Protein backbone atom coordinates (compact mmCIF):
# COMPACT_ATOMS: atom_id res chain seq x y z
CA UNK A 1 -77.15 145.57 117.47
CA UNK A 2 -76.99 148.69 116.49
CA UNK A 3 -80.51 149.04 115.25
CA UNK A 4 -81.66 147.51 118.89
CA UNK A 5 -79.27 149.56 120.71
CA UNK A 6 -80.94 153.00 118.50
CA UNK A 7 -84.29 151.87 119.31
CA UNK A 8 -83.85 151.55 123.14
CA UNK A 9 -81.74 154.82 123.41
CA UNK A 10 -84.86 156.20 122.30
CA UNK A 11 -87.23 154.57 123.74
CA UNK A 12 -85.99 155.27 127.14
CA UNK A 13 -85.38 159.07 126.10
CA UNK A 14 -89.23 159.16 125.76
CA UNK A 15 -89.96 157.79 128.98
CA UNK A 16 -87.31 159.64 131.15
CA UNK A 17 -89.43 162.69 129.17
CA UNK A 18 -92.81 161.63 130.27
CA UNK A 19 -91.38 160.92 133.81
CA UNK A 20 -90.30 164.77 134.04
CA UNK A 21 -93.52 166.15 132.53
CA UNK A 22 -95.81 164.03 134.80
CA UNK A 23 -94.17 163.29 138.38
CA UNK A 24 -95.01 160.87 140.37
CA UNK A 25 -97.61 161.91 143.37
CA UNK A 26 -99.97 163.46 141.09
CA UNK A 27 -103.32 162.98 141.94
CA UNK A 28 -105.81 162.26 139.44
CA UNK A 29 -108.89 164.35 138.48
CA UNK A 30 -111.45 160.99 138.77
CA UNK A 31 -112.39 158.36 140.80
CA UNK A 32 -112.93 155.60 139.21
CA UNK A 33 -115.00 152.24 140.43
CA UNK A 34 -113.66 149.06 141.77
CA UNK A 35 -114.07 146.45 138.50
CA UNK A 36 -116.11 143.72 139.55
CA UNK A 37 -114.42 140.64 138.82
CA UNK A 38 -117.19 139.36 136.11
CA UNK A 39 -116.12 142.23 134.03
CA UNK A 40 -112.36 140.95 134.35
CA UNK A 41 -113.61 137.13 133.82
CA UNK A 42 -115.40 138.31 130.89
CA UNK A 43 -111.99 139.61 129.61
CA UNK A 44 -110.36 136.40 130.11
CA UNK A 45 -113.02 134.19 128.82
CA UNK A 46 -113.59 136.82 125.79
CA UNK A 47 -117.41 136.82 126.83
CA UNK A 48 -119.90 139.67 126.61
CA UNK A 49 -120.45 140.81 130.04
CA UNK A 50 -121.38 143.44 132.57
CA UNK A 51 -118.23 146.63 131.78
CA UNK A 52 -116.76 144.57 128.84
CA UNK A 53 -117.63 144.12 125.25
CA UNK A 54 -115.51 141.34 124.09
CA UNK A 55 -115.42 138.34 121.50
CA UNK A 56 -114.05 135.10 121.02
CA UNK A 57 -113.85 135.48 117.43
CA UNK A 58 -112.61 138.91 117.04
CA UNK A 59 -110.33 141.84 118.30
CA UNK A 60 -112.11 144.75 119.61
CA UNK A 61 -111.22 147.90 120.03
CA UNK A 62 -112.19 151.43 120.14
CA UNK A 63 -115.85 151.98 121.29
CA UNK A 64 -117.49 155.05 121.46
CA UNK A 65 -121.66 155.76 121.89
CA UNK A 66 -124.10 158.29 122.04
CA UNK A 67 -127.28 158.22 124.61
CA UNK A 68 -130.16 157.98 121.63
CA UNK A 69 -134.35 158.83 121.88
CA UNK A 70 -135.36 155.80 123.20
CA UNK A 71 -133.31 155.22 125.97
CA UNK A 72 -130.88 152.71 125.16
CA UNK A 73 -126.73 153.56 124.57
CA UNK A 74 -125.79 152.89 121.34
CA UNK A 75 -122.41 151.88 121.20
CA UNK A 76 -119.55 151.63 118.05
CA UNK A 77 -116.43 149.61 118.18
CA UNK A 78 -113.69 148.14 115.91
CA UNK A 79 -113.50 144.82 115.59
CA UNK A 80 -111.39 142.77 113.02
CA UNK A 81 -111.04 138.48 113.03
CA UNK A 82 -108.72 137.06 115.18
CA UNK A 83 -108.22 134.69 112.25
CA UNK A 84 -105.77 137.46 111.31
CA UNK A 85 -102.98 138.60 113.88
CA UNK A 86 -103.16 141.73 115.83
CA UNK A 87 -102.20 144.04 113.08
CA UNK A 88 -105.48 143.36 110.95
CA UNK A 89 -107.06 146.15 112.32
CA UNK A 90 -104.84 148.03 109.31
CA UNK A 91 -107.06 145.98 106.01
CA UNK A 92 -109.63 144.15 108.01
CA UNK A 93 -111.26 146.41 110.73
CA UNK A 94 -115.21 146.99 110.63
CA UNK A 95 -117.09 149.10 113.01
CA UNK A 96 -119.75 147.04 114.60
CA UNK A 97 -122.94 148.57 116.61
CA UNK A 98 -124.24 146.98 119.76
CA UNK A 99 -126.87 148.32 122.12
CA UNK A 100 -127.49 147.73 126.26
CA UNK A 101 -129.58 149.47 128.59
CA UNK A 102 -127.67 151.47 130.70
CA UNK A 103 -123.92 152.25 130.08
CA UNK A 104 -122.17 149.41 132.06
CA UNK A 105 -123.94 147.17 129.33
CA UNK A 106 -124.01 144.51 128.97
CA UNK A 107 -124.09 144.53 125.37
CA UNK A 108 -125.03 142.96 122.63
CA UNK A 109 -123.79 143.47 118.85
CA UNK A 110 -126.67 143.56 116.76
CA UNK A 111 -124.68 143.58 113.51
CA UNK A 112 -122.09 146.45 111.48
CA UNK A 113 -122.64 149.57 110.42
CA UNK A 114 -119.41 150.25 108.76
CA UNK A 115 -117.43 147.42 106.35
CA UNK A 116 -114.59 146.74 105.76
CA UNK A 117 -114.65 146.02 102.31
CA UNK A 118 -116.73 148.69 100.17
CA UNK A 119 -116.55 148.45 96.04
CA UNK A 120 -118.82 151.11 95.82
CA UNK A 121 -116.82 154.31 98.03
CA UNK A 122 -113.08 155.64 97.53
CA UNK A 123 -112.41 154.35 101.19
CA UNK A 124 -112.25 150.28 99.68
CA UNK A 125 -111.35 148.42 102.45
CA UNK A 126 -110.84 148.78 106.38
CA UNK A 127 -113.20 150.83 108.86
CA UNK A 128 -111.77 151.73 111.89
CA UNK A 129 -111.77 154.46 115.01
CA UNK A 130 -114.94 155.38 115.46
CA UNK A 131 -116.45 158.94 117.05
CA UNK A 132 -119.64 158.81 117.21
CA UNK A 133 -121.78 161.91 117.57
CA UNK A 134 -125.48 163.42 117.39
CA UNK A 135 -125.48 166.72 115.34
CA UNK A 136 -128.92 168.08 114.10
CA UNK A 137 -130.78 164.95 115.08
CA UNK A 138 -128.50 162.61 112.94
CA UNK A 139 -126.11 160.62 113.87
CA UNK A 140 -122.47 161.20 112.45
CA UNK A 141 -119.61 158.66 112.18
CA UNK A 142 -115.96 160.14 112.00
CA UNK A 143 -114.07 156.90 111.01
CA UNK A 144 -110.30 156.01 109.16
CA UNK A 145 -110.55 154.12 105.74
CA UNK A 146 -108.13 153.78 103.44
CA UNK A 147 -107.69 156.13 100.43
CA UNK A 148 -106.54 153.25 98.03
CA UNK A 149 -107.99 154.56 94.69
CA UNK A 150 -104.89 156.36 93.70
CA UNK A 151 -102.74 153.37 93.77
CA UNK A 152 -105.10 150.28 92.98
CA UNK A 153 -106.92 150.23 89.28
CA UNK A 154 -109.59 147.17 90.44
CA UNK A 155 -111.45 145.24 87.65
CA UNK A 156 -114.67 144.14 87.81
CA UNK A 157 -113.75 140.93 88.13
CA UNK A 158 -111.51 141.98 91.45
CA UNK A 159 -112.68 145.30 92.30
CA UNK A 160 -110.94 145.23 96.16
CA UNK A 161 -107.33 143.86 96.33
CA UNK A 162 -106.45 139.97 97.88
CA UNK A 163 -104.15 139.81 101.09
CA UNK A 164 -101.01 139.26 98.49
CA UNK A 165 -101.48 142.78 97.54
CA UNK A 166 -102.03 143.97 100.34
CA UNK A 167 -98.92 142.38 101.80
CA UNK A 168 -96.85 143.50 99.03
CA UNK A 169 -98.01 147.36 99.69
CA UNK A 170 -98.54 147.89 103.22
CA UNK A 171 -96.68 151.20 103.62
CA UNK A 172 -98.44 152.77 101.12
CA UNK A 173 -101.77 151.20 102.37
CA UNK A 174 -100.83 152.54 105.79
CA UNK A 175 -99.90 156.26 104.60
CA UNK A 176 -103.41 156.24 102.77
CA UNK A 177 -105.43 156.23 105.85
CA UNK A 178 -108.02 159.33 106.48
CA UNK A 179 -110.66 160.72 107.71
CA UNK A 180 -113.70 160.25 106.51
CA UNK A 181 -117.59 160.65 108.12
CA UNK A 182 -120.72 158.57 107.41
CA UNK A 183 -124.16 159.49 108.95
CA UNK A 184 -127.88 157.49 109.55
CA UNK A 185 -130.93 158.89 110.75
CA UNK A 186 -131.08 156.32 113.32
CA UNK A 187 -128.78 153.74 115.23
CA UNK A 188 -129.20 150.73 113.31
CA UNK A 189 -128.37 152.70 109.92
CA UNK A 190 -128.24 152.59 106.97
CA UNK A 191 -125.34 155.23 107.33
CA UNK A 192 -123.86 156.47 103.90
CA UNK A 193 -120.67 157.53 103.56
CA UNK A 194 -119.65 161.03 102.81
CA UNK A 195 -118.07 160.85 98.71
CA UNK A 196 -114.51 161.91 99.76
CA UNK A 197 -112.13 162.53 102.79
CA UNK A 198 -113.37 165.24 105.14
CA UNK A 199 -109.80 165.43 106.41
CA UNK A 200 -106.47 164.87 105.02
CA UNK A 201 -102.70 165.88 105.54
CA UNK A 202 -101.68 169.27 105.38
CA UNK A 203 -99.82 171.70 108.04
CA UNK A 204 -98.37 170.09 110.70
CA UNK A 205 -99.35 166.98 109.63
CA UNK A 206 -97.67 164.18 107.19
CA UNK A 207 -98.05 161.27 105.52
CA UNK A 208 -101.41 160.36 107.52
CA UNK A 209 -104.27 161.52 109.10
CA UNK A 210 -106.00 159.60 111.83
CA UNK A 211 -107.94 158.81 115.34
CA UNK A 212 -110.42 161.46 114.98
CA UNK A 213 -112.53 162.77 118.23
CA UNK A 214 -115.43 164.87 117.24
CA UNK A 215 -118.09 167.19 119.78
CA UNK A 216 -120.72 169.85 118.69
CA UNK A 217 -120.96 173.05 120.47
CA UNK A 218 -123.27 176.08 119.18
CA UNK A 219 -122.90 175.06 115.78
CA UNK A 220 -119.60 174.98 115.68
CA UNK A 221 -117.91 170.67 114.83
CA UNK A 222 -114.65 170.54 116.92
CA UNK A 223 -112.73 167.85 115.66
CA UNK A 224 -109.42 166.42 117.49
CA UNK A 225 -107.20 164.31 114.94
CA UNK A 226 -103.72 162.37 114.94
CA UNK A 227 -100.92 163.00 112.38
CA UNK A 228 -97.05 162.79 111.84
CA UNK A 229 -95.11 165.95 113.22
CA UNK A 230 -93.44 167.68 109.77
CA UNK A 231 -91.30 168.88 112.57
CA UNK A 232 -89.40 165.29 113.55
CA UNK A 233 -87.89 163.02 110.57
CA UNK A 234 -88.98 160.13 112.46
CA UNK A 235 -92.56 159.17 113.27
CA UNK A 236 -93.64 161.67 116.29
CA UNK A 237 -97.89 161.75 116.56
CA UNK A 238 -99.26 165.00 117.68
CA UNK A 239 -102.66 166.23 117.86
CA UNK A 240 -104.46 169.21 116.25
CA UNK A 241 -107.86 170.63 115.84
CA UNK A 242 -110.03 171.15 113.13
CA UNK A 243 -113.46 173.20 112.99
CA UNK A 244 -116.29 173.38 110.68
CA UNK A 245 -119.68 175.09 110.67
CA UNK A 246 -120.79 171.86 108.28
CA UNK A 247 -120.47 168.28 109.89
CA UNK A 248 -119.68 167.34 106.69
CA UNK A 249 -117.12 169.84 106.56
CA UNK A 250 -114.50 171.49 105.45
CA UNK A 251 -112.73 171.90 108.59
CA UNK A 252 -110.25 174.57 109.00
CA UNK A 253 -106.48 172.87 110.98
CA UNK A 254 -104.78 174.78 113.14
CA UNK A 255 -101.36 173.91 113.99
CA UNK A 256 -100.85 174.20 117.09
CA UNK A 257 -101.10 170.59 119.20
CA UNK A 258 -102.78 170.21 121.74
CA UNK A 259 -99.80 168.71 123.53
CA UNK A 260 -96.40 169.50 121.98
CA UNK A 261 -93.93 168.06 124.31
CA UNK A 262 -94.84 164.83 123.89
CA UNK A 263 -95.98 161.53 121.70
CA UNK A 264 -99.66 161.21 122.49
CA UNK A 265 -102.87 159.85 120.34
CA UNK A 266 -106.35 158.65 121.04
CA UNK A 267 -108.40 161.99 121.84
CA UNK A 268 -111.71 161.82 123.30
CA UNK A 269 -113.98 165.23 123.30
CA UNK A 270 -117.02 166.57 124.94
CA UNK A 271 -118.17 170.13 126.50
CA UNK A 272 -118.91 170.35 129.96
CA UNK A 273 -121.97 172.98 130.58
CA UNK A 274 -121.41 172.62 134.06
CA UNK A 275 -117.64 174.17 134.00
CA UNK A 276 -118.03 175.87 130.46
CA UNK A 277 -114.83 174.07 129.49
CA UNK A 278 -114.09 171.43 126.36
CA UNK A 279 -112.71 168.42 127.72
CA UNK A 280 -110.74 166.52 126.06
CA UNK A 281 -108.72 162.55 127.82
CA UNK A 282 -105.82 161.45 125.42
CA UNK A 283 -103.39 158.47 125.88
CA UNK A 284 -99.55 159.25 125.69
CA UNK A 285 -97.36 157.45 124.26
CA UNK A 286 -94.37 155.52 126.13
CA UNK A 287 -96.62 156.32 129.61
CA UNK A 288 -98.87 154.61 131.67
CA UNK A 289 -101.44 157.57 131.87
CA UNK A 290 -104.41 158.96 130.40
CA UNK A 291 -104.42 162.48 130.86
CA UNK A 292 -106.65 165.73 130.44
CA UNK A 293 -106.57 169.07 128.39
CA UNK A 294 -109.00 171.48 128.99
CA UNK A 295 -110.33 174.64 126.22
CA UNK A 296 -112.19 177.42 126.51
CA UNK A 297 -112.82 177.65 122.73
CA UNK A 298 -112.16 174.18 121.49
CA UNK A 299 -109.45 175.76 119.52
CA UNK A 300 -106.58 176.01 122.15
CA UNK A 301 -105.56 173.93 124.28
CA UNK A 302 -104.23 173.80 127.95
CA UNK A 303 -103.33 170.58 130.57
CA UNK A 304 -106.00 170.39 133.01
CA UNK A 305 -105.24 170.42 137.20
CA UNK A 306 -104.92 167.80 137.64
CA UNK A 307 -103.22 166.97 134.60
CA UNK A 308 -103.66 162.81 135.55
CA UNK A 309 -106.58 161.61 134.40
CA UNK A 310 -106.54 158.08 135.26
CA UNK A 311 -103.69 155.41 135.64
CA UNK A 312 -103.87 152.21 132.83
CA UNK A 313 -104.78 149.99 135.76
CA UNK A 314 -107.85 148.54 137.22
CA UNK A 315 -109.09 148.06 141.14
CA UNK A 316 -110.47 144.98 141.08
CA UNK A 317 -113.60 144.24 144.06
CA UNK A 318 -111.17 141.32 145.37
CA UNK A 319 -108.44 143.82 146.11
CA UNK A 320 -106.05 143.19 144.10
CA UNK A 321 -104.94 145.01 141.26
CA UNK A 322 -104.93 144.86 137.51
CA UNK A 323 -102.19 145.89 134.98
CA UNK A 324 -103.14 145.05 131.53
CA UNK A 325 -100.49 145.56 128.18
CA UNK A 326 -102.56 148.55 126.46
CA UNK A 327 -105.23 150.57 128.33
CA UNK A 328 -105.50 153.09 125.19
CA UNK A 329 -108.62 154.53 123.03
CA UNK A 330 -110.76 155.91 125.90
CA UNK A 331 -114.33 157.75 125.15
CA UNK A 332 -116.39 159.52 127.98
CA UNK A 333 -119.54 159.21 127.86
CA UNK A 334 -120.97 162.44 130.19
CA UNK A 335 -124.43 162.94 131.35
CA UNK A 336 -126.91 165.91 129.56
CA UNK A 337 -124.81 168.50 131.00
CA UNK A 338 -121.45 167.36 129.90
CA UNK A 339 -120.06 165.96 133.35
CA UNK A 340 -118.21 162.77 132.91
CA UNK A 341 -120.25 159.14 133.92
CA UNK A 342 -117.98 156.09 132.53
CA UNK A 343 -114.82 156.08 130.85
CA UNK A 344 -115.07 153.58 127.75
CA UNK A 345 -110.94 151.77 126.79
CA UNK A 346 -109.75 149.28 124.91
CA UNK A 347 -107.68 146.78 126.53
CA UNK A 348 -105.32 143.90 125.31
CA UNK A 349 -103.37 141.41 127.55
CA UNK A 350 -101.36 138.74 125.50
CA UNK A 351 -103.68 137.34 122.49
CA UNK A 352 -107.31 139.06 124.16
CA UNK A 353 -109.15 142.70 123.82
CA UNK A 354 -111.98 144.28 124.41
CA UNK A 355 -113.76 147.97 125.32
CA UNK A 356 -113.57 148.24 129.02
CA UNK A 357 -116.19 150.44 130.83
CA UNK A 358 -115.67 152.04 134.27
CA UNK A 359 -117.50 154.40 136.16
CA UNK A 360 -116.47 157.60 137.30
CA UNK A 361 -116.70 160.06 139.70
CA UNK A 362 -116.08 164.19 138.54
CA UNK A 363 -114.17 165.57 141.11
């Protein structure tokens, strides 16, 4: 009972902090279109539909997308079997590739580009939270994998750990999360994964680093990455910037979080040529809103005006309001000038999940 009370008080304190941060009447910086019922039905049936990427056999999460020279939209997303529970993302996630003629889809999944079991690579297990961008004509996918080689010694007969070992060593597996990059000349791959992480915990980060978001502008790669803050005894998620002149690194980390007064995750990042600004949308934990940050140089960030990007809810075409259990993992697809056009978000309700696409108008 004491532990439950402590958790509740901490949760309540986080909510109060966020209410003070946001207020109640703030207008958002974008106008989100009405979500068609067809997309909502696709979610409920766990089937692909326009503006809904779902699969009855997989949990679907973490979409990222690029516009390619073939005129199509190529999306990459995390998925793991529903035969696992939701926490299967930690050890069973893989990155799939889907294609559509337009940003709203429907998307057709064409295969797996980064598998969750990789005996020949340092990562060994898992591929999760992709961030795709085109740099020097090549597709780079930055993602999270587990660096288990330090504490799991495989054999020729069993190069990768089984479920029993993973269950017994889950804490160590979780703390081994690192950021890696894979590169391909074409959207379907093959993707070649770097032989070592491009980012590991240091500076303000302890334990893990995950959830990368990367963009390139004028020869500089700017990454926003999430980790646990060393200044907090208990887990407190912050996001910091790291930059590099080469997409394969090394990345130089800055130790000032992009937002420090609340716990955040799931950044996306792009450069808006019209406004001459780097822009980022992030998910704030314990709050029903996605918010926007901006930066002139990609290194020092401030709250956008307005701060609110979109509430975690959808106006459906029949006039009803849909408030799922979770709306996270925002990714913004822009036009060629960097103006936001579509917002992709991971949506979960009960045991169902999907990536939902929402048409947006930048204000």
